[in-house]
Structures are given as structure tokens and as C-alpha cells.
Amino acid sequence: MDKKKCLIIFKWPINLNTFVINKLSKYYETEHIYINSFKNQSFSEITKEINSIIHNKKIEIVFFDVDSIKLLNYFFIKKINNVKKVLMTLDDTTVHEMNAITANACDIIVSHCPFLTLKYREKGYEAYNMFLENDGNIFKNYNLNKDIDVLFFGKLTSDRKKFIDFLTSKNISIKLVGQSNNFLPLDELVKIISRSKIVINFSKTTTQNVSNHESESIYKYYYEFKGRVIMTALCGSYCVSEISPGQTMLFNDDEISSFSNKEECLEKLNYMLSNDNLLKSRTNKFHNKAMTLYEEKKNFEPIFKALNKEKFSRVELIKFPYWYIRISAKQIIKRNIHLTTLLKSFFELTQVWKILKNTKFYIKVLVILESVLNIVWYSFMSILKKNK
């Protein structure tokens, strides 16, 4: 049977995109584009060109990489025609409520985090887990000698450094990978993981505070599900992880150890490192569960089946909140704005007017006035930035 044709719309080129492309290429004939490659094109021109690509290449499914993007809102996705649409969120923690509205333009949602998948389902959406780093041909147990007691790989934030410094001061031997120039190719990293008895996972968000589109920044951080957990399991090592609701939905206390502070982390590490048989038993449970339930083939199966359907249920929105309309209007107006394209920017007010359909009169007035001011302001700001 011929593969269906799939288009992935990414924000911009980053290393993680490779995992998505490789994953989907096993099931579909896959193309991909980057939104930031559309230079000097407006909201209307970009959607028109994407529809042309879809028509010319006979694309049947489109995956939208929506996180932190300054364009892929509900109104953008609705203008993409004659395809099945998948909202793909790999970093949804701080923008979930915005993404949940955008999701109404899509047929299904795929999320990296089981807890966030559940939050989409709570709203009535058809949502699935899609783990990123779970290809068993890449992340596998090499059955190497476990000569590393504890490994941490990833970004060493100030909060994480406090944990690491505390643990090393208590005579825990920790190997750090991914700091400064200590980055490894993926195949070498996998072998380092496989050599490790225990991998530490930190789950706090890494920004200074949790930004929120619909309200003020209130929380310093959230506890996110990290791909490091499944990577570790597939590579045949054990994980001692900072708490997160997502991981508790995948693994129980006999399969992963969780901590909420430095002292608990030290206690769990010492306990597991001093009990060889228990560490081996729990590592095997951890690895076997990941291979059975969360490895790529098993994980993607329900998504593939869902996208073979012809009909999808819809969630009914009462209205678009004012903050979402404001953000969307600004995204439309600011797209590739420049003083030399001032007339084109004013033409985009027609798109802003369309998204104001069924809104109250005062909202129409406020958003149009703000949009005009944004056109003038950002057009002149583009000249200043260019001259710097």
C-alpha cells in the first residue's frame, strides 16, 4: 500500500525536528517546511503558498508545530484546506490554554506529555501521546558495563546546579554531559546512558518564571514531563527523577524513584546504589515497560489508526476570549512587517476583520485601533532595527 503524503510545518530548524521527521517518515511520505523561511510574506501570502504546496504535492495530512510560534493560531490553521490536521505540541506547559483554543481548528492533538494529553481530553479533544525520543533502534540497551554511578545530561540551570553541587558534596559520583563544550553525538550519548546505573532527571521548567498568555506570570515554575525519562528506560538504565504528574501516569513507584527536594534525591540515590539486586530488578521493570508500551512502534500505532479515519468529533467553543483575539490579530499584523510593506500590512487588516466576526462592537473597535497602531509602530521599529 502506498504511503499517504504528510506535511510538517515547523517553526524553525532545530535538532529535535529530526526526531519528528524520522518518526513520521516511517508511516508517511513526508515533506517539511519552516515558517521562518517565508521571508517578506504576509499572513495571507503564507497561507496561500502553503495551500498551493498541499495541492501540488497532493498532501493529505498536515502536522502543525504550534508551540511558541508567532503565527500558527486557530485562524491560520483554518485557512489551510482539504487536509487532515494535527496539532503537534512538544512543549505545551506554559501555553496550554492558548494551544487548546488553536486545537479547535485541528482533527486530533498529539502531545509529548501524558498529563497534558489528559487535559486536552478533559476539554473533549481527541488527543494522543506522541513521545519524541523513543525510537528503539536509536535508544537501546547496549548491555555495557555499568561503570558510571550517576549521570545527568542536559542543560545545567542554576536550580539543577544546586542539586548537583549538593549531591557531589555528599560523595555522590555524578557524570555531567551536555555542559559548555561537553556535548556528545547522539550515538555516543546513548552508550553513556547505557553505561550508567542511574540517570537523574530534573522536571522543573527552565525559565525564570512561567509566562502565561491569559493572565499574569504567577508561578516560578511547573513540573514538566521530560523525554529524558523514556530515553533512559529504553537504554536499560534506572531513573531517579524530580516529581512530575506526567511520569506518574506512565511508571509506578516500583519502576521509577521520585524526589521533590535535594535531601529526598540524595536518599533515593544512596538507597538504590547500595542495593544492587533491587536496582537491577527495578531497572529491568523500567526498561521492559518502556519497550512494551512506550517505544515508537507501539506509541504511534493509535495515532496512525486515528488519521485513517474520515470523520472526527468537534469541540464546541462558546467564543474566542479577548486575549486570544488580540494575540492573533497582532500575529497577523506583525508578520514580516516593514516600512516598505506598509500598504501590504494595512491590507492584512481585512484578515483581522474576519477574525472579529461575531465579537462585540467594542472589541472590534479596540482590536482594529490596536492593529493600526501596531502597523505604524512596528513598521518604523523595523527601520530602527535595520540601522542598528
Protein backbone atom coordinates (compact mmCIF):
# COMPACT_ATOMS: atom_id res chain seq x y z
CA MET A 1 0.00 0.00 0.00
CA ASP A 2 1.30 3.46 -0.92
CA LYS A 3 2.09 5.77 1.95
CA LYS A 4 -0.10 8.82 2.45
CA LYS A 5 1.60 12.16 1.95
CA CYS A 6 2.26 14.25 5.03
CA LEU A 7 3.49 17.82 5.53
CA ILE A 8 5.11 19.02 8.78
CA ILE A 9 5.04 22.79 9.37
CA PHE A 10 7.85 23.60 11.80
CA LYS A 11 8.61 26.93 13.47
CA TRP A 12 12.30 26.96 12.56
CA PRO A 13 15.18 24.46 12.16
CA ILE A 14 16.23 22.82 15.45
CA ASN A 15 17.78 19.43 16.22
CA LEU A 16 14.59 17.97 17.71
CA ASN A 17 12.86 18.32 14.34
CA THR A 18 14.92 15.37 13.12
CA PHE A 19 13.15 13.04 15.56
CA VAL A 20 9.74 14.16 14.27
CA ILE A 21 10.76 13.83 10.60
CA ASN A 22 12.27 10.36 11.13
CA LYS A 23 9.24 9.21 13.12
CA LEU A 24 6.63 10.32 10.59
CA SER A 25 8.71 9.16 7.60
CA LYS A 26 8.24 5.57 8.75
CA TYR A 27 4.49 5.90 8.24
CA TYR A 28 4.06 8.63 5.61
CA GLU A 29 5.74 10.12 2.59
CA THR A 30 6.91 13.19 4.45
CA GLU A 31 7.68 16.78 3.47
CA HIS A 32 8.53 19.61 5.84
CA ILE A 33 8.73 23.40 5.73
CA TYR A 34 9.76 26.12 8.18
CA ILE A 35 7.58 29.14 8.90
CA ASN A 36 10.64 31.35 9.38
CA SER A 37 11.72 30.60 5.80
CA PHE A 38 8.80 32.67 4.44
CA LYS A 39 10.62 35.97 4.09
CA ASN A 40 8.76 39.21 3.35
CA GLN A 41 5.43 37.40 3.10
CA SER A 42 2.28 38.29 4.95
CA PHE A 43 -0.16 36.06 6.81
CA SER A 44 -2.38 35.84 3.70
CA GLU A 45 0.52 35.12 1.35
CA ILE A 46 1.93 32.38 3.57
CA THR A 47 -1.37 30.53 3.90
CA LYS A 48 -1.91 30.82 0.15
CA GLU A 49 1.53 29.37 -0.59
CA ILE A 50 1.06 26.51 1.86
CA ASN A 51 -2.28 25.63 0.25
CA SER A 52 -0.51 25.64 -3.11
CA ILE A 53 2.14 23.22 -1.77
CA ILE A 54 -0.60 20.97 -0.42
CA HIS A 55 -2.42 20.95 -3.76
CA ASN A 56 0.66 20.45 -5.94
CA LYS A 57 2.18 17.70 -3.81
CA LYS A 58 -1.15 16.03 -3.03
CA ILE A 59 -0.64 16.31 0.72
CA GLU A 60 -3.28 14.53 2.83
CA ILE A 61 -2.15 15.22 6.41
CA VAL A 62 -0.53 18.29 7.97
CA PHE A 63 1.21 18.38 11.37
CA PHE A 64 1.37 21.90 12.86
CA ASP A 65 4.24 22.60 15.28
CA VAL A 66 2.40 25.21 17.34
CA ASP A 67 4.48 25.82 20.46
CA SER A 68 5.92 29.33 20.93
CA ILE A 69 5.09 30.25 17.35
CA LYS A 70 4.08 33.76 16.43
CA LEU A 71 1.73 32.77 13.64
CA LEU A 72 0.16 29.31 13.86
CA ASN A 73 -3.06 30.25 15.60
CA TYR A 74 -6.61 28.96 15.06
CA PHE A 75 -7.29 31.39 12.21
CA PHE A 76 -4.11 30.43 10.33
CA ILE A 77 -4.84 26.71 10.56
CA LYS A 78 -8.47 27.18 9.47
CA LYS A 79 -7.22 28.74 6.22
CA ILE A 80 -5.33 25.53 5.36
CA ASN A 81 -7.68 23.49 3.18
CA ASN A 82 -8.53 19.90 2.23
CA VAL A 83 -6.26 18.02 4.64
CA LYS A 84 -6.44 16.23 7.96
CA LYS A 85 -4.89 18.49 10.58
CA VAL A 86 -2.81 17.52 13.60
CA LEU A 87 -1.87 19.96 16.34
CA MET A 88 1.58 18.85 17.49
CA THR A 89 2.73 20.18 20.85
CA LEU A 90 6.08 19.20 22.31
CA ASP A 91 6.38 21.99 24.90
CA ASP A 92 2.84 22.81 25.92
CA THR A 93 3.21 23.51 29.63
CA THR A 94 3.14 27.32 29.59
CA VAL A 95 0.86 27.81 26.57
CA HIS A 96 -1.68 25.04 27.07
CA GLU A 97 -4.77 27.26 27.23
CA MET A 98 -3.79 29.07 24.05
CA ASN A 99 -2.98 25.79 22.28
CA ALA A 100 -6.29 24.33 23.46
CA ILE A 101 -8.13 27.05 21.54
CA THR A 102 -5.90 26.65 18.49
CA ALA A 103 -6.59 22.90 18.65
CA ASN A 104 -10.21 23.55 17.68
CA ALA A 105 -9.01 24.04 14.10
CA CYS A 106 -7.46 20.55 14.06
CA ASP A 107 -8.76 16.99 13.88
CA ILE A 108 -6.52 15.45 16.53
CA ILE A 109 -3.84 16.56 19.01
CA VAL A 110 -0.53 14.83 19.73
CA SER A 111 1.35 15.79 22.89
CA HIS A 112 4.67 14.76 24.44
CA CYS A 113 3.18 14.71 27.95
CA PRO A 114 0.53 12.24 29.23
CA PHE A 115 -0.78 14.79 31.74
CA LEU A 116 -1.29 17.44 29.05
CA THR A 117 -2.86 14.85 26.75
CA LEU A 118 -5.36 14.20 29.54
CA LYS A 119 -6.06 17.95 29.84
CA TYR A 120 -6.93 18.06 26.12
CA ARG A 121 -9.21 15.04 26.54
CA GLU A 122 -10.83 16.77 29.52
CA LYS A 123 -11.92 19.50 27.08
CA GLY A 124 -13.31 16.90 24.67
CA TYR A 125 -10.47 16.73 22.16
CA GLU A 126 -9.20 13.55 20.55
CA ALA A 127 -5.65 13.61 21.92
CA TYR A 128 -2.79 11.13 21.92
CA ASN A 129 0.64 10.77 23.49
CA MET A 130 3.46 11.11 20.97
CA PHE A 131 6.81 10.72 22.67
CA LEU A 132 9.69 12.22 20.77
CA GLU A 133 12.87 10.35 21.70
CA ASN A 134 11.50 6.79 21.71
CA ASP A 135 12.87 5.06 18.61
CA GLY A 136 14.06 1.68 19.90
CA ASN A 137 16.56 1.41 17.06
CA ILE A 138 18.34 4.50 18.42
CA PHE A 139 17.64 4.44 22.15
CA LYS A 140 18.55 0.90 23.09
CA ASN A 141 20.33 -1.08 25.74
CA TYR A 142 23.88 -1.85 24.62
CA ASN A 143 24.35 -4.10 27.70
CA LEU A 144 27.59 -2.31 28.57
CA ASN A 145 29.43 -2.49 31.87
CA LYS A 146 27.70 -0.14 34.33
CA ASP A 147 30.83 1.84 35.25
CA ILE A 148 29.02 5.19 35.81
CA ASP A 149 27.13 5.51 39.10
CA VAL A 150 25.00 8.56 38.28
CA LEU A 151 24.59 10.51 35.03
CA PHE A 152 22.99 13.83 34.27
CA PHE A 153 22.71 15.00 30.67
CA GLY A 154 21.10 18.24 29.55
CA LYS A 155 21.03 21.90 30.41
CA LEU A 156 22.53 22.76 33.81
CA THR A 157 20.29 25.57 35.10
CA SER A 158 21.03 27.34 38.38
CA ASP A 159 18.39 25.24 40.15
CA ARG A 160 19.79 21.99 38.77
CA LYS A 161 23.32 23.05 39.69
CA LYS A 162 22.25 23.47 43.31
CA PHE A 163 21.10 19.84 43.31
CA ILE A 164 24.27 18.60 41.61
CA ASP A 165 26.56 20.56 43.96
CA PHE A 166 24.68 19.27 46.99
CA LEU A 167 24.89 15.66 45.81
CA THR A 168 28.59 15.81 44.97
CA SER A 169 29.27 17.36 48.39
CA LYS A 170 27.65 14.21 49.83
CA ASN A 171 30.03 11.94 47.87
CA ILE A 172 27.65 11.02 45.03
CA SER A 173 29.74 10.48 41.89
CA ILE A 174 27.96 12.24 39.01
CA LYS A 175 29.00 12.40 35.37
CA LEU A 176 27.78 15.53 33.57
CA VAL A 177 27.18 15.58 29.82
CA GLY A 178 25.94 18.48 27.71
CA GLN A 179 27.57 21.33 29.63
CA SER A 180 29.72 24.01 27.98
CA ASN A 181 31.55 22.17 25.19
CA ASN A 182 30.82 18.73 26.59
CA PHE A 183 28.19 17.80 24.00
CA LEU A 184 28.11 14.32 22.52
CA PRO A 185 26.76 12.90 19.24
CA LEU A 186 23.52 11.02 19.83
CA ASP A 187 25.03 7.54 19.36
CA GLU A 188 27.71 8.30 21.96
CA LEU A 189 25.15 9.74 24.39
CA VAL A 190 23.03 6.59 24.13
CA LYS A 191 26.05 4.45 25.05
CA ILE A 192 26.86 6.74 28.00
CA ILE A 193 23.27 6.32 29.23
CA SER A 194 23.54 2.55 28.80
CA ARG A 195 26.74 2.55 30.89
CA SER A 196 25.03 4.42 33.74
CA LYS A 197 23.45 2.76 36.74
CA ILE A 198 21.16 5.74 37.37
CA VAL A 199 20.19 8.84 35.38
CA ILE A 200 18.97 11.92 37.29
CA ASN A 201 16.06 13.74 35.69
CA PHE A 202 15.00 17.27 36.64
CA SER A 203 11.49 18.28 35.66
CA LYS A 204 11.11 21.95 36.59
CA THR A 205 10.60 24.42 33.74
CA THR A 206 13.88 26.13 32.95
CA THR A 207 12.76 29.76 32.53
CA GLN A 208 12.88 32.30 35.38
CA ASN A 209 9.10 32.16 35.71
CA VAL A 210 6.13 30.59 33.96
CA SER A 211 4.74 33.04 31.42
CA ASN A 212 1.04 32.84 30.72
CA HIS A 213 -0.86 34.35 27.79
CA GLU A 214 -4.20 34.68 29.52
CA SER A 215 -3.03 36.04 32.90
CA GLU A 216 -0.06 37.38 34.80
CA SER A 217 3.01 35.25 35.45
CA ILE A 218 2.24 33.75 38.84
CA TYR A 219 4.26 30.55 39.27
CA LYS A 220 8.03 30.37 39.31
CA TYR A 221 7.96 27.01 37.54
CA TYR A 222 5.89 23.95 36.64
CA TYR A 223 6.96 20.31 36.82
CA GLU A 224 7.10 19.03 33.24
CA PHE A 225 7.37 15.57 31.76
CA LYS A 226 10.81 15.21 30.17
CA GLY A 227 11.81 12.91 27.32
CA ARG A 228 14.91 12.02 29.35
CA VAL A 229 12.77 9.54 31.33
CA ILE A 230 11.80 7.33 28.37
CA MET A 231 15.25 7.69 26.78
CA THR A 232 16.78 6.32 29.99
CA ALA A 233 14.30 3.45 30.22
CA LEU A 234 14.87 2.36 26.62
CA CYS A 235 18.64 2.43 27.15
CA GLY A 236 18.36 -0.01 30.05
CA SER A 237 19.25 2.29 32.94
CA TYR A 238 17.36 3.38 36.04
CA CYS A 239 15.95 6.87 36.65
CA VAL A 240 15.71 8.93 39.81
CA SER A 241 13.50 11.82 38.80
CA GLU A 242 12.14 15.05 40.16
CA ILE A 243 8.36 14.78 40.51
CA SER A 244 6.06 15.41 37.55
CA PRO A 245 2.45 14.30 37.03
CA GLY A 246 3.22 13.00 33.53
CA GLN A 247 5.74 10.41 34.63
CA THR A 248 3.47 9.08 37.40
CA MET A 249 0.92 8.27 34.69
CA LEU A 250 3.50 6.09 32.90
CA PHE A 251 5.54 4.48 35.68
CA ASN A 252 4.75 3.40 39.24
CA ASP A 253 6.96 3.51 42.34
CA ASP A 254 8.44 0.07 41.59
CA GLU A 255 9.73 1.35 38.24
CA ILE A 256 10.97 4.89 38.93
CA SER A 257 12.07 6.80 42.05
CA SER A 258 10.79 10.36 42.50
CA PHE A 259 12.02 13.25 44.65
CA SER A 260 10.84 16.76 45.43
CA ASN A 261 13.94 18.22 47.13
CA LYS A 262 17.71 17.74 47.43
CA GLU A 263 17.50 15.60 50.55
CA GLU A 264 14.99 13.19 49.02
CA CYS A 265 17.14 12.94 45.89
CA LEU A 266 20.21 12.04 47.99
CA GLU A 267 18.21 9.48 49.97
CA LYS A 268 16.85 7.77 46.83
CA LEU A 269 20.27 7.68 45.15
CA ASN A 270 22.03 6.23 48.19
CA TYR A 271 19.29 3.66 48.69
CA MET A 272 19.37 2.41 45.10
CA LEU A 273 23.18 2.47 44.78
CA SER A 274 23.55 0.41 47.96
CA ASN A 275 21.04 -2.27 46.86
CA ASP A 276 22.41 -3.93 43.72
CA ASN A 277 19.69 -6.57 43.39
CA LEU A 278 16.87 -4.07 43.88
CA LEU A 279 18.46 -1.65 41.41
CA LYS A 280 18.76 -4.42 38.82
CA SER A 281 15.18 -5.58 39.38
CA ARG A 282 13.68 -2.09 39.10
CA THR A 283 15.86 -1.24 36.09
CA ASN A 284 14.54 -4.32 34.29
CA LYS A 285 10.91 -3.39 35.11
CA PHE A 286 11.53 0.18 33.97
CA HIS A 287 13.14 -0.94 30.70
CA ASN A 288 10.62 -3.67 29.90
CA LYS A 289 7.61 -1.42 30.46
CA ALA A 290 9.05 1.27 28.18
CA MET A 291 9.84 -1.26 25.47
CA THR A 292 6.37 -2.84 25.72
CA LEU A 293 4.20 0.30 25.96
CA TYR A 294 6.11 3.44 25.02
CA GLU A 295 8.59 2.52 22.29
CA GLU A 296 7.85 4.23 18.98
CA LYS A 297 6.06 1.40 17.16
CA LYS A 298 3.57 0.85 19.98
CA ASN A 299 3.26 4.54 20.80
CA PHE A 300 2.46 5.73 17.26
CA GLU A 301 0.01 2.95 16.43
CA PRO A 302 -3.15 4.68 17.80
CA ILE A 303 -2.18 7.97 16.09
CA PHE A 304 -1.77 6.20 12.76
CA LYS A 305 -5.15 4.49 13.17
CA ALA A 306 -6.85 7.77 14.11
CA LEU A 307 -5.55 9.51 10.99
CA ASN A 308 -7.01 6.77 8.82
CA LYS A 309 -10.50 7.80 9.93
CA GLU A 310 -12.62 10.06 7.76
CA LYS A 311 -14.70 11.74 10.46
CA PHE A 312 -13.63 13.44 13.68
CA SER A 313 -15.61 14.79 16.59
CA ARG A 314 -15.59 18.55 17.22
CA VAL A 315 -15.37 20.55 20.44
CA GLU A 316 -17.80 23.46 20.56
CA LEU A 317 -16.31 26.79 21.62
CA ILE A 318 -18.68 29.38 23.07
CA LYS A 319 -16.43 32.22 21.96
CA PHE A 320 -12.84 33.28 21.45
CA PRO A 321 -11.58 35.16 24.53
CA TYR A 322 -10.47 38.74 24.04
CA TRP A 323 -6.83 37.95 24.88
CA TYR A 324 -6.72 35.26 22.16
CA ILE A 325 -8.17 37.58 19.52
CA ARG A 326 -5.70 40.34 20.47
CA ILE A 327 -2.74 37.97 20.21
CA SER A 328 -3.96 36.53 16.90
CA ALA A 329 -4.53 39.98 15.41
CA LYS A 330 -1.04 41.04 16.45
CA GLN A 331 0.44 37.88 14.96
CA ILE A 332 -1.29 38.61 11.65
CA ILE A 333 -0.20 42.25 11.53
CA LYS A 334 3.40 41.76 12.68
CA ARG A 335 4.24 39.00 10.24
CA ASN A 336 7.29 40.20 8.25
CA ILE A 337 6.24 43.80 8.80
CA HIS A 338 8.45 46.57 7.39
CA LEU A 339 8.06 50.18 6.39
CA THR A 340 8.49 49.20 2.74
CA THR A 341 5.49 46.85 3.04
CA LEU A 342 3.22 49.31 4.83
CA LEU A 343 0.40 49.03 2.28
CA LYS A 344 0.52 45.25 2.44
CA SER A 345 0.28 45.44 6.22
CA PHE A 346 -2.81 47.63 6.03
CA PHE A 347 -4.32 45.13 3.59
CA GLU A 348 -3.91 42.49 6.33
CA LEU A 349 -6.49 44.41 8.33
CA THR A 350 -9.04 42.56 6.21
CA GLN A 351 -7.81 39.33 7.84
CA VAL A 352 -8.07 40.93 11.27
CA TRP A 353 -11.62 42.00 10.47
CA LYS A 354 -12.51 38.39 9.58
CA ILE A 355 -11.38 37.08 12.95
CA LEU A 356 -13.56 39.72 14.64
CA LYS A 357 -16.71 38.17 13.24
CA ASN A 358 -19.28 37.52 15.98
CA THR A 359 -17.39 39.65 18.52
CA LYS A 360 -18.93 42.57 20.35
CA PHE A 361 -18.70 46.04 18.83
CA TYR A 362 -16.31 47.44 21.45
CA ILE A 363 -13.93 44.51 20.87
CA LYS A 364 -13.95 45.22 17.13
CA VAL A 365 -13.09 48.86 17.79
CA LEU A 366 -10.33 48.09 20.28
CA VAL A 367 -8.66 45.41 18.17
CA ILE A 368 -8.79 47.42 14.92
CA LEU A 369 -7.38 50.53 16.64
CA GLU A 370 -4.63 48.48 18.25
CA SER A 371 -3.85 46.80 14.93
CA VAL A 372 -3.47 50.16 13.15
CA LEU A 373 -1.16 51.39 15.90
CA ASN A 374 0.83 48.15 15.65
CA ILE A 375 1.25 48.59 11.90
CA VAL A 376 2.64 52.09 12.31
CA TRP A 377 4.78 51.31 15.34
CA TYR A 378 6.36 48.05 14.13
CA SER A 379 6.92 49.41 10.62
CA PHE A 380 9.05 52.24 11.98
CA MET A 381 10.70 49.96 14.53
CA SER A 382 11.82 47.69 11.68
CA ILE A 383 13.79 50.64 10.22
CA LEU A 384 15.47 51.34 13.56
CA LYS A 385 16.44 47.70 13.99
CA LYS A 386 17.85 47.59 10.48
CA ASN A 387 20.01 50.67 11.13
CA LYS A 388 21.48 49.34 14.37
